[in-house]
Amino acid sequence: MKTSVKILLLVLFSIGAVAGVLVFAKTRVAPPSNLKLVNQYSVSLESEAKTFNDIKDFSIGRGEYIRIDDRLQRFLNENAIDSTVSDEFRKKIDESYGKVLKSYCFDLLQKSVWPEEKLNEMLTMLSSLKSDKLTTGETAVTEDFIASVDKINNIVGEYRNALRFSKNVSFKGVNDASSRIQKAKNYRNTEYLKNNAALVNALDILPSRIAQSHYGHVRNLVNALGNYSGVTKDYYMNTLIPRVDNAITEYKNTKIYGGNKPNITDLENKAVSLVTSAMNYYGDGN
């Protein structure tokens, strides 16, 4: 009987000891059940987004944006992050890159030379970032960036209009010439456009080029006085000669060209010579 009791007590002590060890092991090994899981992909993106926000150099910033953008898209495609997290970091990196890109663009427009390939590349980058979307379909960039893109597009558009304008130097009348010379001055003093050396030079010489065109217009009218054998004396006297007189007078009285107007004395002398020849011709009875 005593032996049975001892055996029973030994079994109970053994079970208690094992249970105690198991309870202790569980408290030492098992993790707390109320810990919040952390997405390591989000942590990595957060760190990179903070670092990216401190970048000021455009070349470095552009390379980093492409790299982070690729990782962000890959994480989303592989379901490592959800659309909410993706959109959160999409807005962060777009805002950071937008600031660097905007600064680069305005710096370029402050320079005296605007290579066309640089302008096209700049506009392409702006358009690409502006069109970036969140997973919801909403615009990813800030309103401030959109406003800057619109301003830069307007500057480049106005620059190209001004450049085309500066090449149109044909004479279409004094009033038209005066209007275009004033417009050239306005373009020349426009913010950012005044930085472009080639455009400013083209606008500065526009009055001189229009004056040359005006001179050529008068010269053509004077040369027409030599065609007396092909017209009647009445037409010559009442149309051709008054037309040349008016053109020469208008040219001499025009002040819009400043000191850029070619001297017209040679044309006046030529006109007198041609009219004299015409009078001799008509005086012969033809």
Protein backbone atom coordinates (compact mmCIF):
# COMPACT_ATOMS: atom_id res chain seq x y z
CA MET A 1 0.00 0.00 0.00
CA LYS A 2 2.78 2.37 0.90
CA THR A 3 4.56 1.47 -2.33
CA SER A 4 1.45 2.31 -4.40
CA VAL A 5 1.11 5.69 -2.74
CA LYS A 6 4.78 6.50 -3.43
CA ILE A 7 4.40 5.52 -7.09
CA LEU A 8 1.27 7.68 -7.44
CA LEU A 9 2.97 10.67 -5.83
CA LEU A 10 6.01 10.23 -8.10
CA VAL A 11 3.78 10.21 -11.20
CA LEU A 12 1.97 13.37 -10.05
CA PHE A 13 5.25 15.14 -9.34
CA SER A 14 6.57 14.16 -12.78
CA ILE A 15 3.47 15.47 -14.54
CA GLY A 16 3.68 18.72 -12.58
CA ALA A 17 7.34 19.14 -13.45
CA VAL A 18 6.73 18.58 -17.16
CA ALA A 19 3.79 20.99 -17.13
CA GLY A 20 5.91 23.60 -15.41
CA VAL A 21 8.66 23.24 -17.99
CA LEU A 22 6.16 23.54 -20.85
CA VAL A 23 4.57 26.67 -19.37
CA PHE A 24 8.02 28.23 -18.87
CA ALA A 25 9.10 27.29 -22.39
CA LYS A 26 5.99 28.83 -23.87
CA THR A 27 6.50 32.11 -22.08
CA ARG A 28 10.14 32.22 -23.16
CA VAL A 29 9.77 31.14 -26.79
CA ALA A 30 6.33 32.18 -27.99
CA PRO A 31 6.14 35.83 -29.20
CA PRO A 32 3.61 38.21 -27.68
CA SER A 33 0.29 37.71 -29.42
CA ASN A 34 -0.64 41.42 -29.50
CA LEU A 35 2.33 42.74 -31.58
CA LYS A 36 1.41 44.64 -34.81
CA LEU A 37 2.98 43.20 -37.96
CA VAL A 38 5.28 45.60 -39.88
CA ASN A 39 5.46 45.59 -43.70
CA GLN A 40 9.19 45.72 -44.42
CA TYR A 41 8.51 46.85 -48.00
CA SER A 42 6.72 49.95 -46.70
CA VAL A 43 9.58 50.62 -44.31
CA SER A 44 12.06 50.42 -47.17
CA LEU A 45 9.99 52.74 -49.37
CA GLU A 46 9.57 55.22 -46.54
CA SER A 47 13.32 55.40 -46.03
CA GLU A 48 13.99 55.87 -49.74
CA ALA A 49 11.27 58.51 -50.06
CA LYS A 50 12.83 60.55 -47.24
CA THR A 51 16.28 60.33 -48.80
CA PHE A 52 14.91 61.19 -52.23
CA ASN A 53 13.25 64.32 -50.85
CA ASP A 54 16.67 65.75 -49.95
CA ILE A 55 18.11 65.43 -53.48
CA LYS A 56 18.57 68.75 -55.31
CA ASP A 57 20.67 67.72 -58.32
CA PHE A 58 18.48 66.99 -61.34
CA SER A 59 20.58 64.22 -62.89
CA ILE A 60 20.78 62.33 -59.60
CA GLY A 61 17.12 62.97 -58.88
CA ARG A 62 15.99 61.71 -62.24
CA GLY A 63 17.96 58.48 -61.85
CA GLU A 64 16.65 57.92 -58.32
CA TYR A 65 13.07 58.58 -59.41
CA ILE A 66 13.30 55.98 -62.15
CA ARG A 67 14.77 53.45 -59.70
CA ILE A 68 12.22 54.03 -56.93
CA ASP A 69 9.36 54.14 -59.41
CA ASP A 70 10.41 50.73 -60.71
CA ARG A 71 10.56 49.26 -57.18
CA LEU A 72 7.18 50.74 -56.28
CA GLN A 73 5.55 49.28 -59.36
CA ARG A 74 7.20 45.92 -58.80
CA PHE A 75 6.12 45.74 -55.16
CA LEU A 76 2.55 46.51 -56.18
CA ASN A 77 2.54 43.93 -58.99
CA GLU A 78 3.91 41.27 -56.61
CA ASN A 79 1.32 42.16 -53.93
CA ALA A 80 4.08 43.07 -51.51
CA ILE A 81 2.17 46.31 -50.88
CA ASP A 82 -1.45 47.23 -51.48
CA SER A 83 -2.84 50.04 -53.64
CA THR A 84 -3.22 52.40 -50.67
CA VAL A 85 0.46 52.15 -49.80
CA SER A 86 1.40 52.40 -53.46
CA ASP A 87 -0.60 55.61 -53.90
CA GLU A 88 0.87 57.08 -50.72
CA PHE A 89 4.44 56.68 -51.95
CA ARG A 90 3.53 57.53 -55.55
CA LYS A 91 2.43 60.97 -54.41
CA LYS A 92 5.55 61.40 -52.26
CA ILE A 93 8.09 60.58 -54.96
CA ASP A 94 6.16 62.50 -57.64
CA GLU A 95 6.13 65.59 -55.46
CA SER A 96 9.87 65.31 -54.73
CA TYR A 97 10.80 64.67 -58.35
CA GLY A 98 8.41 67.38 -59.51
CA LYS A 99 10.29 69.98 -57.46
CA VAL A 100 13.66 68.92 -58.89
CA LEU A 101 12.32 68.79 -62.46
CA LYS A 102 10.60 72.17 -62.13
CA SER A 103 13.82 73.74 -60.87
CA TYR A 104 15.77 72.23 -63.75
CA CYS A 105 13.32 73.60 -66.32
CA PHE A 106 13.29 77.15 -65.01
CA ASP A 107 17.09 77.09 -64.75
CA LEU A 108 17.24 76.14 -68.43
CA LEU A 109 14.94 79.05 -69.34
CA GLN A 110 17.26 81.41 -67.47
CA LYS A 111 20.15 80.54 -69.80
CA SER A 112 21.06 82.49 -72.93
CA VAL A 113 20.94 79.42 -75.20
CA TRP A 114 17.91 77.11 -75.48
CA PRO A 115 18.85 74.08 -77.59
CA GLU A 116 15.73 72.77 -79.31
CA GLU A 117 16.48 69.18 -78.31
CA LYS A 118 16.72 70.28 -74.68
CA LEU A 119 13.38 72.05 -74.89
CA ASN A 120 11.72 68.99 -76.43
CA GLU A 121 13.25 66.69 -73.81
CA MET A 122 12.13 69.05 -71.05
CA LEU A 123 8.54 69.21 -72.33
CA THR A 124 8.42 65.43 -72.68
CA MET A 125 9.54 64.91 -69.07
CA LEU A 126 7.03 67.45 -67.80
CA SER A 127 4.20 65.89 -69.76
CA SER A 128 5.13 62.39 -68.61
CA LEU A 129 5.14 63.29 -64.91
CA LYS A 130 2.01 65.43 -65.20
CA SER A 131 0.09 62.49 -66.66
CA ASP A 132 1.13 60.11 -63.84
CA LYS A 133 -1.89 58.49 -62.14
CA LEU A 134 -2.67 56.79 -58.86
CA THR A 135 -4.29 53.35 -58.79
CA THR A 136 -7.60 55.18 -58.36
CA GLY A 137 -7.12 57.00 -61.66
CA GLU A 138 -6.61 60.34 -59.93
CA THR A 139 -3.72 62.66 -60.80
CA ALA A 140 -0.61 61.82 -58.77
CA VAL A 141 1.15 65.19 -58.96
CA THR A 142 0.40 68.36 -57.01
CA GLU A 143 -1.60 71.33 -58.26
CA ASP A 144 1.51 73.47 -57.87
CA PHE A 145 3.42 71.23 -60.27
CA ILE A 146 0.57 71.32 -62.80
CA ALA A 147 0.57 75.14 -62.66
CA SER A 148 4.32 75.18 -63.26
CA VAL A 149 3.99 72.82 -66.23
CA ASP A 150 1.35 75.06 -67.77
CA LYS A 151 3.56 78.13 -67.26
CA ILE A 152 6.60 76.46 -68.82
CA ASN A 153 4.54 75.25 -71.78
CA ASN A 154 3.28 78.80 -72.30
CA ILE A 155 6.82 80.21 -72.17
CA VAL A 156 8.13 77.74 -74.74
CA GLY A 157 5.06 78.26 -76.94
CA GLU A 158 5.49 82.03 -76.81
CA TYR A 159 9.21 81.66 -77.54
CA ARG A 160 8.51 79.63 -80.66
CA ASN A 161 5.87 82.10 -81.79
CA ALA A 162 8.33 84.95 -81.27
CA LEU A 163 11.04 83.11 -83.19
CA ARG A 164 8.71 82.56 -86.16
CA PHE A 165 7.56 86.16 -85.91
CA SER A 166 11.14 87.45 -86.04
CA LYS A 167 11.65 85.74 -89.41
CA ASN A 168 8.69 87.46 -91.09
CA VAL A 169 10.31 90.66 -92.37
CA SER A 170 8.36 91.31 -95.58
CA PHE A 171 7.01 94.84 -96.03
CA LYS A 172 3.20 95.03 -96.07
CA GLY A 173 2.70 98.71 -95.45
CA VAL A 174 3.95 101.25 -92.94
CA ASN A 175 1.16 100.61 -90.44
CA ASP A 176 1.83 96.87 -90.48
CA ALA A 177 5.58 97.47 -90.15
CA SER A 178 5.04 99.79 -87.21
CA SER A 179 2.81 97.24 -85.49
CA ARG A 180 5.32 94.43 -85.94
CA ILE A 181 8.23 96.53 -84.69
CA GLN A 182 6.28 97.31 -81.52
CA LYS A 183 5.39 93.64 -81.11
CA ALA A 184 9.06 92.74 -81.46
CA LYS A 185 9.87 95.14 -78.61
CA ASN A 186 7.20 93.53 -76.46
CA TYR A 187 8.57 90.04 -77.13
CA ARG A 188 12.08 91.26 -76.40
CA ASN A 189 11.10 92.46 -72.95
CA THR A 190 8.99 89.44 -72.02
CA GLU A 191 10.08 87.49 -68.95
CA TYR A 192 12.30 84.50 -69.83
CA LEU A 193 12.20 85.30 -73.58
CA LYS A 194 14.58 88.19 -72.95
CA ASN A 195 17.13 85.63 -71.70
CA ASN A 196 17.41 83.92 -75.10
CA ALA A 197 20.30 85.59 -76.96
CA ALA A 198 19.38 84.30 -80.43
CA LEU A 199 15.78 85.45 -80.12
CA VAL A 200 16.73 88.86 -78.75
CA ASN A 201 19.19 89.37 -81.61
CA ALA A 202 16.57 88.38 -84.20
CA LEU A 203 14.05 90.78 -82.67
CA ASP A 204 16.60 93.59 -82.45
CA ILE A 205 17.44 93.41 -86.16
CA LEU A 206 13.81 93.03 -87.25
CA PRO A 207 13.33 96.82 -87.86
CA SER A 208 16.44 96.86 -90.04
CA ARG A 209 15.26 93.84 -92.03
CA ILE A 210 11.79 95.30 -92.56
CA ALA A 211 13.45 98.57 -93.63
CA GLN A 212 15.45 96.61 -96.21
CA SER A 213 12.23 95.01 -97.40
CA HIS A 214 10.57 98.43 -97.60
CA TYR A 215 13.51 99.69 -99.62
CA GLY A 216 13.15 96.70 -101.95
CA HIS A 217 9.45 97.51 -102.37
CA VAL A 218 10.27 101.06 -103.48
CA ARG A 219 13.04 99.80 -105.76
CA ASN A 220 10.60 97.46 -107.54
CA LEU A 221 8.21 100.35 -108.14
CA VAL A 222 11.03 102.49 -109.51
CA ASN A 223 12.18 99.67 -111.78
CA ALA A 224 8.63 99.46 -113.17
CA LEU A 225 9.17 102.95 -114.58
CA GLY A 226 11.48 101.33 -117.11
CA ASN A 227 8.56 99.44 -118.71
CA TYR A 228 7.27 102.53 -120.52
CA SER A 229 7.30 100.78 -123.88
CA GLY A 230 4.65 98.35 -122.67
CA VAL A 231 2.11 100.86 -121.34
CA THR A 232 0.32 103.95 -122.58
CA LYS A 233 1.63 107.39 -121.83
CA ASP A 234 -1.54 108.18 -119.91
CA TYR A 235 -1.10 105.13 -117.63
CA TYR A 236 2.57 105.93 -117.20
CA MET A 237 1.94 109.55 -116.27
CA ASN A 238 -1.17 109.09 -114.13
CA THR A 239 -0.45 105.74 -112.44
CA LEU A 240 3.19 104.68 -112.48
CA ILE A 241 4.83 108.05 -111.77
CA PRO A 242 2.43 109.06 -108.91
CA ARG A 243 2.81 105.61 -107.37
CA VAL A 244 6.58 105.97 -107.30
CA ASP A 245 6.41 109.53 -106.00
CA ASN A 246 4.13 108.49 -103.16
CA ALA A 247 6.28 105.46 -102.31
CA ILE A 248 9.48 107.53 -102.19
CA THR A 249 7.83 110.25 -100.11
CA GLU A 250 6.37 107.71 -97.68
CA TYR A 251 9.71 105.96 -97.33
CA LYS A 252 11.59 109.19 -96.66
CA ASN A 253 9.05 110.33 -94.06
CA THR A 254 8.92 107.02 -92.20
CA LYS A 255 10.63 107.23 -88.77
CA ILE A 256 9.83 103.76 -87.42
CA TYR A 257 13.12 102.23 -88.56
CA GLY A 258 15.33 104.58 -86.60
CA GLY A 259 18.80 104.68 -88.07
CA ASN A 260 18.37 101.36 -89.88
CA LYS A 261 16.82 102.76 -93.05
CA PRO A 262 18.93 102.50 -96.24
CA ASN A 263 19.52 105.77 -98.10
CA ILE A 264 17.13 106.17 -101.02
CA THR A 265 18.99 108.81 -103.04
CA ASP A 266 20.10 106.25 -105.63
CA LEU A 267 16.49 105.23 -106.26
CA GLU A 268 15.40 108.85 -106.62
CA ASN A 269 18.13 109.43 -109.21
CA LYS A 270 17.19 106.24 -111.04
CA ALA A 271 13.52 107.26 -111.10
CA VAL A 272 14.41 110.63 -112.64
CA SER A 273 16.55 108.92 -115.26
CA LEU A 274 13.81 106.42 -116.20
CA VAL A 275 11.11 109.09 -116.40
CA THR A 276 13.37 111.16 -118.65
CA SER A 277 13.85 108.17 -120.95
CA ALA A 278 10.09 107.55 -120.95
CA MET A 279 9.35 111.15 -121.88
CA ASN A 280 11.81 110.93 -124.71
CA TYR A 281 10.16 107.72 -125.83
CA TYR A 282 6.65 109.09 -125.72
CA GLY A 283 7.82 112.32 -127.33
CA ASP A 284 8.78 110.34 -130.40
CA GLY A 285 5.09 109.78 -131.11
CA ASN A 286 4.66 106.26 -129.72
